[in-house]
């Protein structure tokens, strides 16, 4: 049984993207070592992945107040 008690919801979402969103939407390359970066900008959390083949950037943004 995995424990999520010491991980933030933002970290768990990043891990979800790294497990589930590996195929590039532009070129279709499947990045088996997908690493998503997380940055905070004001009231937004940005999750980004750069395709190692075509340099396309996929972004998910969460907004909060």
Protein backbone atom coordinates (compact mmCIF):
# COMPACT_ATOMS: atom_id res chain seq x y z
CA UNK A 1 0.00 0.00 0.00
CA UNK A 2 1.40 3.38 -1.03
CA UNK A 3 1.36 6.28 1.41
CA UNK A 4 0.48 9.69 0.04
CA UNK A 5 0.52 11.45 3.42
CA UNK A 6 3.90 13.11 2.87
CA UNK A 7 3.25 14.24 -0.74
CA UNK A 8 1.45 17.42 -1.66
CA UNK A 9 -1.52 17.30 -4.04
CA UNK A 10 0.61 19.25 -6.56
CA UNK A 11 3.38 16.64 -6.39
CA UNK A 12 0.86 13.82 -6.82
CA UNK A 13 -0.57 15.54 -9.91
CA UNK A 14 2.94 15.94 -11.38
CA UNK A 15 3.53 12.23 -10.82
CA UNK A 16 0.22 11.46 -12.53
CA UNK A 17 1.30 13.43 -15.62
CA UNK A 18 4.68 11.66 -15.62
CA UNK A 19 2.95 8.24 -15.59
CA UNK A 20 0.02 8.92 -17.92
CA UNK A 21 1.00 11.70 -20.35
CA UNK A 22 4.08 10.46 -22.16
CA UNK A 23 3.09 10.81 -25.83
CA UNK A 24 3.83 14.14 -27.53
CA UNK A 25 0.70 15.73 -28.99
CA UNK A 26 2.73 17.22 -31.85
CA UNK A 27 4.92 14.37 -33.12
CA UNK A 28 3.60 11.32 -31.26
CA UNK A 29 6.95 10.46 -29.65
CA UNK A 30 6.48 8.42 -26.46
CA UNK A 31 8.87 9.67 -23.78
CA UNK A 32 9.29 6.77 -21.35
CA UNK A 33 11.26 9.01 -18.98
CA UNK A 34 8.77 11.89 -19.10
CA UNK A 35 9.63 14.57 -16.56
CA UNK A 36 7.19 17.37 -15.94
CA UNK A 37 8.36 20.65 -14.41
CA UNK A 38 6.18 22.60 -12.01
CA UNK A 39 6.24 26.37 -11.54
CA UNK A 40 4.03 28.75 -9.61
CA UNK A 41 3.03 32.07 -11.17
CA UNK A 42 0.73 34.22 -9.08
CA UNK A 43 -2.46 32.22 -8.63
CA UNK A 44 -1.48 29.56 -11.17
CA UNK A 45 0.45 26.31 -11.10
CA UNK A 46 2.04 25.41 -14.46
CA UNK A 47 2.94 21.81 -15.32
CA UNK A 48 5.14 21.56 -18.42
CA UNK A 49 6.81 18.84 -20.44
CA UNK A 50 9.24 19.45 -23.33
CA UNK A 51 9.32 16.73 -25.98
CA UNK A 52 12.91 15.50 -26.40
CA UNK A 53 12.32 14.83 -30.10
CA UNK A 54 10.59 17.97 -31.42
CA UNK A 55 10.92 20.44 -28.48
CA UNK A 56 7.14 20.93 -28.37
CA UNK A 57 5.97 22.14 -24.97
CA UNK A 58 2.83 20.69 -23.42
CA UNK A 59 1.36 22.72 -20.58
CA UNK A 60 -1.39 22.21 -18.03
CA UNK A 61 -2.39 25.19 -15.89
CA UNK A 62 -4.28 25.08 -12.59
CA UNK A 63 -5.76 28.37 -11.40
CA UNK A 64 -6.76 29.02 -7.82
CA UNK A 65 -7.87 31.90 -5.64
